[in-house]
Amino acid sequence: MAIAWDSMAVPVVVLTKSDLCDDVTSRVLEAQNVAFGIDIIVTTSISAGGYEGIKSYITKGKTFE
C-alpha cells in the first residue's frame, strides 16, 4: 500500500469470491484493520452484478489507456 501511495496510485483492496465466504463482514473488518483509509471492495463472479463495485475504479486514463 505504501508503494501504491508513493507512486501516486490510489490503492484499493478487492476481496474476491465472496460467495465462498461464510462471514464476509468479518473479512471486511479484518481488511479494514490493516488497510486503514483504503476502500475495500467485495466481489463475486457468481452473480451478474458481483463486480459492479469495482467498475467505478476502472476508468480510461486512470487504470488503462
Protein backbone atom coordinates (compact mmCIF):
# COMPACT_ATOMS: atom_id res chain seq x y z
CA MET A 1 0.00 0.00 0.00
CA ALA A 2 2.86 2.35 0.76
CA ILE A 3 4.33 1.74 -2.67
CA ALA A 4 0.97 2.45 -4.30
CA TRP A 5 0.59 5.73 -2.41
CA ASP A 6 4.21 6.70 -3.19
CA SER A 7 3.62 6.10 -6.89
CA MET A 8 0.57 8.42 -6.80
CA ALA A 9 -1.78 5.48 -7.32
CA VAL A 10 -4.88 5.01 -5.21
CA PRO A 11 -4.78 1.56 -3.62
CA VAL A 12 -7.95 -0.48 -3.32
CA VAL A 13 -8.37 -3.84 -1.59
CA VAL A 14 -10.53 -6.27 -3.56
CA LEU A 15 -11.91 -9.27 -1.72
CA THR A 16 -12.92 -11.82 -4.33
CA LYS A 17 -15.00 -14.99 -4.18
CA SER A 18 -17.31 -13.61 -1.53
CA ASP A 19 -19.75 -16.38 -2.42
CA LEU A 20 -17.34 -18.87 -0.81
CA CYS A 21 -17.08 -16.98 2.48
CA ASP A 22 -19.38 -17.67 5.42
CA ASP A 23 -18.67 -14.34 7.15
CA VAL A 24 -17.94 -11.58 4.64
CA THR A 25 -18.46 -8.83 7.22
CA SER A 26 -15.72 -10.26 9.42
CA ARG A 27 -13.31 -10.43 6.48
CA VAL A 28 -14.05 -6.85 5.50
CA LEU A 29 -13.35 -5.72 9.08
CA GLU A 30 -10.05 -7.63 9.05
CA ALA A 31 -9.03 -5.92 5.82
CA GLN A 32 -10.02 -2.51 7.18
CA ASN A 33 -7.79 -3.08 10.21
CA VAL A 34 -4.69 -3.47 8.04
CA ALA A 35 -5.69 -1.18 5.18
CA PHE A 36 -6.84 1.82 7.18
CA GLY A 37 -8.41 4.50 4.99
CA ILE A 38 -8.38 2.37 1.86
CA ASP A 39 -11.57 1.30 0.09
CA ILE A 40 -12.49 -2.37 0.47
CA ILE A 41 -14.49 -3.86 -2.37
CA VAL A 42 -16.22 -7.24 -2.15
CA THR A 43 -16.81 -9.11 -5.41
CA THR A 44 -18.14 -12.40 -6.72
CA SER A 45 -18.35 -13.84 -10.21
CA ILE A 46 -21.45 -15.87 -9.35
CA SER A 47 -24.00 -13.08 -9.73
CA ALA A 48 -24.38 -10.70 -12.66
CA GLY A 49 -23.73 -7.61 -10.52
CA GLY A 50 -20.99 -9.19 -8.45
CA TYR A 51 -18.30 -6.95 -9.87
CA GLU A 52 -20.25 -3.68 -10.01
CA GLY A 53 -18.42 -2.21 -7.03
CA ILE A 54 -15.10 -2.26 -8.84
CA LYS A 55 -16.27 -0.69 -12.11
CA SER A 56 -16.03 2.86 -10.79
CA TYR A 57 -12.29 2.37 -10.21
CA ILE A 58 -11.63 1.28 -13.80
CA THR A 59 -11.55 4.40 -15.94
CA LYS A 60 -9.75 5.41 -19.11
CA GLY A 61 -6.59 7.37 -18.41
CA LYS A 62 -6.57 6.21 -14.82
CA THR A 63 -6.26 2.42 -14.94
CA PHE A 64 -5.80 1.86 -18.69
CA GLU A 65 -5.20 3.79 -21.87
